[in-house]
C-alpha atoms as a PDB file:
ATOM      1  CA  MET A   1      15.655  29.343  -1.270  1.00  0.00           C
ATOM      2  CA  ASN A   2      15.402  31.695  -4.225  1.00  0.00           C
ATOM      3  CA  LYS A   3      13.577  35.007  -4.022  1.00  0.00           C
ATOM      4  CA  ALA A   4      10.636  33.835  -6.185  1.00  0.00           C
ATOM      5  CA  SER A   5      10.027  30.849  -3.907  1.00  0.00           C
ATOM      6  CA  ALA A   6      10.296  33.005  -0.789  1.00  0.00           C
ATOM      7  CA  THR A   7       7.795  35.505  -2.229  1.00  0.00           C
ATOM      8  CA  ALA A   8       5.364  32.730  -3.192  1.00  0.00           C
ATOM      9  CA  LEU A   9       5.675  31.064   0.218  1.00  0.00           C
ATOM     10  CA  HIS A  10       5.137  34.371   2.015  1.00  0.00           C
ATOM     11  CA  ALA A  11       1.808  34.797   0.173  1.00  0.00           C
ATOM     12  CA  ILE A  12       0.431  31.440   1.379  1.00  0.00           C
ATOM     13  CA  LYS A  13      -2.657  31.568   3.618  1.00  0.00           C
ATOM     14  CA  LEU A  14      -3.685  27.903   3.536  1.00  0.00           C
ATOM     15  CA  VAL A  15      -1.592  24.728   3.691  1.00  0.00           C
ATOM     16  CA  VAL A  16      -3.418  21.640   2.388  1.00  0.00           C
ATOM     17  CA  LEU A  17      -1.962  18.242   3.230  1.00  0.00           C
ATOM     18  CA  ASP A  18      -2.631  14.788   1.913  1.00  0.00           C
ATOM     19  CA  VAL A  19      -2.326  12.079   4.575  1.00  0.00           C
ATOM     20  CA  ASP A  20      -1.097   8.739   3.237  1.00  0.00           C
ATOM     21  CA  GLY A  21       2.410   9.226   1.883  1.00  0.00           C
ATOM     22  CA  VAL A  22       2.693  12.809   3.174  1.00  0.00           C
ATOM     23  CA  LEU A  23       1.822  12.852   6.881  1.00  0.00           C
ATOM     24  CA  THR A  24       2.522   9.112   6.981  1.00  0.00           C
ATOM     25  CA  ASP A  25       5.026   6.969   5.125  1.00  0.00           C
ATOM     26  CA  GLY A  26       2.252   5.644   2.908  1.00  0.00           C
ATOM     27  CA  ARG A  27       2.202   2.144   4.318  1.00  0.00           C
ATOM     28  CA  LEU A  28      -1.051   0.796   5.734  1.00  0.00           C
ATOM     29  CA  TYR A  29      -0.888  -0.902   9.122  1.00  0.00           C
ATOM     30  CA  TYR A  30      -3.681  -3.152  10.407  1.00  0.00           C
ATOM     31  CA  GLY A  31      -4.090  -4.437  13.942  1.00  0.00           C
ATOM     32  CA  ALA A  32      -5.249  -7.961  14.820  1.00  0.00           C
ATOM     33  CA  GLY A  33      -8.862  -6.763  14.941  1.00  0.00           C
ATOM     34  CA  GLY A  34      -8.622  -5.175  11.485  1.00  0.00           C
ATOM     35  CA  GLU A  35      -8.268  -1.631  12.824  1.00  0.00           C
ATOM     36  CA  GLU A  36      -6.121   0.666  10.736  1.00  0.00           C
ATOM     37  CA  LEU A  37      -3.126   2.228  12.471  1.00  0.00           C
ATOM     38  CA  LYS A  38      -1.143   5.234  11.272  1.00  0.00           C
ATOM     39  CA  VAL A  39       2.272   6.525  12.270  1.00  0.00           C
ATOM     40  CA  PHE A  40       2.790  10.295  12.308  1.00  0.00           C
ATOM     41  CA  HIS A  41       6.071  12.132  12.814  1.00  0.00           C
ATOM     42  CA  VAL A  42       6.254  14.454  15.814  1.00  0.00           C
ATOM     43  CA  ARG A  43       8.386  16.989  13.908  1.00  0.00           C
ATOM     44  CA  ASP A  44       5.635  17.450  11.327  1.00  0.00           C
ATOM     45  CA  GLY A  45       3.248  18.292  14.152  1.00  0.00           C
ATOM     46  CA  LEU A  46       5.581  20.895  15.627  1.00  0.00           C
ATOM     47  CA  GLY A  47       6.107  22.522  12.231  1.00  0.00           C
ATOM     48  CA  LEU A  48       2.357  22.692  11.645  1.00  0.00           C
ATOM     49  CA  LYS A  49       1.790  24.302  15.030  1.00  0.00           C
ATOM     50  CA  GLN A  50       4.479  26.866  14.212  1.00  0.00           C
ATOM     51  CA  VAL A  51       2.909  27.891  10.886  1.00  0.00           C
ATOM     52  CA  MET A  52      -0.506  28.086  12.530  1.00  0.00           C
ATOM     53  CA  ARG A  53       0.993  30.425  15.178  1.00  0.00           C
ATOM     54  CA  ILE A  54       2.041  32.874  12.457  1.00  0.00           C
ATOM     55  CA  GLY A  55      -1.514  32.944  11.117  1.00  0.00           C
ATOM     56  CA  LEU A  56      -1.665  30.302   8.416  1.00  0.00           C
ATOM     57  CA  THR A  57      -4.537  27.843   8.242  1.00  0.00           C
ATOM     58  CA  VAL A  58      -3.823  24.137   7.845  1.00  0.00           C
ATOM     59  CA  ALA A  59      -6.248  21.660   6.290  1.00  0.00           C
ATOM     60  CA  VAL A  60      -6.030  17.917   5.810  1.00  0.00           C
ATOM     61  CA  VAL A  61      -7.685  16.362   2.768  1.00  0.00           C
ATOM     62  CA  SER A  62      -7.610  12.588   2.352  1.00  0.00           C
ATOM     63  CA  GLY A  63      -9.214  10.100   0.029  1.00  0.00           C
ATOM     64  CA  ARG A  64      -9.329   7.580   2.860  1.00  0.00           C
ATOM     65  CA  ARG A  65     -11.236   7.838   6.131  1.00  0.00           C
ATOM     66  CA  THR A  66      -9.707   6.716   9.450  1.00  0.00           C
ATOM     67  CA  PRO A  67     -10.225   7.722  13.096  1.00  0.00           C
ATOM     68  CA  ALA A  68      -6.450   8.061  13.517  1.00  0.00           C
ATOM     69  CA  VAL A  69      -6.467  11.114  11.235  1.00  0.00           C
ATOM     70  CA  ASP A  70      -9.234  12.750  13.264  1.00  0.00           C
ATOM     71  CA  ALA A  71      -7.312  12.066  16.466  1.00  0.00           C
ATOM     72  CA  ARG A  72      -4.022  13.483  15.135  1.00  0.00           C
ATOM     73  CA  CYS A  73      -5.684  16.572  13.669  1.00  0.00           C
ATOM     74  CA  SER A  74      -7.580  17.203  16.894  1.00  0.00           C
ATOM     75  CA  GLU A  75      -4.345  16.930  18.856  1.00  0.00           C
ATOM     76  CA  LEU A  76      -2.713  19.512  16.565  1.00  0.00           C
ATOM     77  CA  GLY A  77      -5.686  21.886  16.513  1.00  0.00           C
ATOM     78  CA  ILE A  78      -6.397  21.319  12.820  1.00  0.00           C
ATOM     79  CA  THR A  79     -10.146  21.768  12.384  1.00  0.00           C
ATOM     80  CA  LEU A  80     -10.374  21.702   8.591  1.00  0.00           C
ATOM     81  CA  VAL A  81     -10.352  17.967   7.894  1.00  0.00           C
ATOM     82  CA  GLU A  82     -11.942  16.331   4.858  1.00  0.00           C
ATOM     83  CA  GLN A  83     -11.712  12.557   4.775  1.00  0.00           C
ATOM     84  CA  GLY A  84     -13.198  10.191   2.206  1.00  0.00           C
ATOM     85  CA  CYS A  85     -12.690  12.959  -0.323  1.00  0.00           C
ATOM     86  CA  GLU A  86     -13.095  11.879  -3.934  1.00  0.00           C
ATOM     87  CA  ASP A  87     -12.552  15.299  -5.515  1.00  0.00           C
ATOM     88  CA  LYS A  88      -9.784  17.256  -3.804  1.00  0.00           C
ATOM     89  CA  VAL A  89     -10.124  20.260  -6.119  1.00  0.00           C
ATOM     90  CA  GLU A  90     -13.750  20.572  -5.049  1.00  0.00           C
ATOM     91  CA  ALA A  91     -12.593  20.297  -1.425  1.00  0.00           C
ATOM     92  CA  LEU A  92     -10.010  23.016  -2.121  1.00  0.00           C
ATOM     93  CA  GLU A  93     -12.741  25.335  -3.398  1.00  0.00           C
ATOM     94  CA  ARG A  94     -14.828  24.743  -0.246  1.00  0.00           C
ATOM     95  CA  LEU A  95     -11.820  25.346   2.003  1.00  0.00           C
ATOM     96  CA  CYS A  96     -10.862  28.541   0.183  1.00  0.00           C
ATOM     97  CA  ALA A  97     -14.422  29.864   0.467  1.00  0.00           C
ATOM     98  CA  GLN A  98     -14.499  28.964   4.145  1.00  0.00           C
ATOM     99  CA  ILE A  99     -11.364  30.940   5.044  1.00  0.00           C
ATOM    100  CA  GLY A 100     -11.573  33.646   2.370  1.00  0.00           C
ATOM    101  CA  ALA A 101      -8.505  32.645   0.366  1.00  0.00           C
ATOM    102  CA  SER A 102      -7.935  32.208  -3.337  1.00  0.00           C
ATOM    103  CA  PRO A 103      -6.437  28.960  -4.675  1.00  0.00           C
ATOM    104  CA  HIS A 104      -3.311  30.983  -5.547  1.00  0.00           C
ATOM    105  CA  GLU A 105      -2.801  31.538  -1.802  1.00  0.00           C
ATOM    106  CA  VAL A 106      -2.720  27.788  -1.144  1.00  0.00           C
ATOM    107  CA  LEU A 107       0.212  25.423  -0.814  1.00  0.00           C
ATOM    108  CA  CYS A 108      -0.427  21.698  -1.080  1.00  0.00           C
ATOM    109  CA  VAL A 109       1.828  18.772  -0.219  1.00  0.00           C
ATOM    110  CA  ILE A 110       1.209  15.563  -2.175  1.00  0.00           C
ATOM    111  CA  ASP A 111       2.835  12.265  -3.086  1.00  0.00           C
ATOM    112  CA  ASP A 112       0.921  10.515  -5.857  1.00  0.00           C
ATOM    113  CA  THR A 113      -0.708  11.054  -9.236  1.00  0.00           C
ATOM    114  CA  LEU A 114      -4.294  11.124  -7.931  1.00  0.00           C
ATOM    115  CA  ASP A 115      -3.452  14.509  -6.421  1.00  0.00           C
ATOM    116  CA  LEU A 116      -2.051  16.117  -9.578  1.00  0.00           C
ATOM    117  CA  PRO A 117      -5.304  18.059 -10.226  1.00  0.00           C
ATOM    118  CA  LEU A 118      -4.949  19.561  -6.738  1.00  0.00           C
ATOM    119  CA  ALA A 119      -1.306  20.473  -7.409  1.00  0.00           C
ATOM    120  CA  ARG A 120      -2.313  22.231 -10.623  1.00  0.00           C
ATOM    121  CA  ALA A 121      -5.095  24.165  -8.861  1.00  0.00           C
ATOM    122  CA  VAL A 122      -2.994  25.809  -6.137  1.00  0.00           C
ATOM    123  CA  GLY A 123      -0.446  28.600  -6.073  1.00  0.00           C
ATOM    124  CA  PHE A 124       2.416  26.456  -4.763  1.00  0.00           C
ATOM    125  CA  SER A 125       2.674  22.666  -4.916  1.00  0.00           C
ATOM    126  CA  VAL A 126       5.157  20.434  -3.129  1.00  0.00           C
ATOM    127  CA  ALA A 127       6.005  16.773  -3.627  1.00  0.00           C
ATOM    128  CA  VAL A 128       7.593  14.747  -0.858  1.00  0.00           C
ATOM    129  CA  ALA A 129      10.985  13.242  -1.738  1.00  0.00           C
ATOM    130  CA  ASP A 130       9.621   9.751  -2.315  1.00  0.00           C
ATOM    131  CA  ALA A 131       6.607  10.897  -4.344  1.00  0.00           C
ATOM    132  CA  HIS A 132       5.784   9.277  -7.667  1.00  0.00           C
ATOM    133  CA  ALA A 133       8.138  10.564 -10.401  1.00  0.00           C
ATOM    134  CA  ALA A 134       5.266  12.175 -12.345  1.00  0.00           C
ATOM    135  CA  VAL A 135       4.404  14.207  -9.239  1.00  0.00           C
ATOM    136  CA  ARG A 136       7.981  15.291  -8.604  1.00  0.00           C
ATOM    137  CA  ASP A 137       8.208  16.426 -12.236  1.00  0.00           C
ATOM    138  CA  VAL A 138       5.291  18.879 -12.068  1.00  0.00           C
ATOM    139  CA  THR A 139       5.312  20.346  -8.565  1.00  0.00           C
ATOM    140  CA  ASP A 140       6.970  23.643  -7.741  1.00  0.00           C
ATOM    141  CA  ARG A 141       9.323  22.084  -5.238  1.00  0.00           C
ATOM    142  CA  VAL A 142      10.346  18.676  -3.858  1.00  0.00           C
ATOM    143  CA  THR A 143      11.360  18.014  -0.265  1.00  0.00           C
ATOM    144  CA  ILE A 144      14.606  16.308   0.648  1.00  0.00           C
ATOM    145  CA  THR A 145      12.782  14.307   3.315  1.00  0.00           C
ATOM    146  CA  PRO A 146      10.396  11.424   2.489  1.00  0.00           C
ATOM    147  CA  GLY A 147       6.728  11.474   3.428  1.00  0.00           C
ATOM    148  CA  GLY A 148       5.979  10.508   7.024  1.00  0.00           C
ATOM    149  CA  ARG A 149       9.592  11.179   8.014  1.00  0.00           C
ATOM    150  CA  GLY A 150       9.461  14.943   8.548  1.00  0.00           C
ATOM    151  CA  ALA A 151       8.739  16.187   5.008  1.00  0.00           C
ATOM    152  CA  VAL A 152       5.894  18.380   6.261  1.00  0.00           C
ATOM    153  CA  ARG A 153       8.222  19.940   8.842  1.00  0.00           C
ATOM    154  CA  GLU A 154      10.645  20.732   6.022  1.00  0.00           C
ATOM    155  CA  VAL A 155       7.875  22.559   4.148  1.00  0.00           C
ATOM    156  CA  CYS A 156       6.864  24.394   7.324  1.00  0.00           C
ATOM    157  CA  ASP A 157      10.475  25.486   7.766  1.00  0.00           C
ATOM    158  CA  TRP A 158      10.444  26.943   4.223  1.00  0.00           C
ATOM    159  CA  ILE A 159       7.300  28.904   5.070  1.00  0.00           C
ATOM    160  CA  LEU A 160       8.715  30.115   8.374  1.00  0.00           C
ATOM    161  CA  ALA A 161      11.938  31.218   6.652  1.00  0.00           C
ATOM    162  CA  ALA A 162       9.885  33.161   4.068  1.00  0.00           C
ATOM    163  CA  HIS A 163       8.267  34.970   7.006  1.00  0.00           C
ATOM    164  CA  GLY A 164      11.636  35.697   8.591  1.00  0.00           C
ATOM    165  CA  ARG A 165      11.124  33.114  11.341  1.00  0.00           C
ATOM    166  CA  THR A 166      13.356  30.194  12.233  1.00  0.00           C
END
């Protein structure tokens, strides 16, 4: 990690995560009764708990709404959850006001073009490895790991390293 990235990551107060394609692999699973199922990676959860322990706030902002997201966030202790969100930049502004952070102190992790306005509004943007090419081209950094397969843990590890933690 270069010094500029480490400095930017050290300044982060809020980590904003998309769900589908970031915390999950982006595929939609439906049970026989039509219920939507999601698969989350345990390593992402551990990384999120670690960055929360060093004082960062984590928020989840999703355009879709599913009980599985509420359940996973509750399990991880993530209380800032916005589902069914049509305007993620507006959500970002609410979240920043709520925790007393500026958008420049926010890192977001995204995977598709609908989230490009969010990426442009924050201080540090990350695309997962299998993100849409247009997203990978404009974000500050791209993970090696695909979404839903530990990409969020990779980002958490960057943040922890910037804080001198491993």
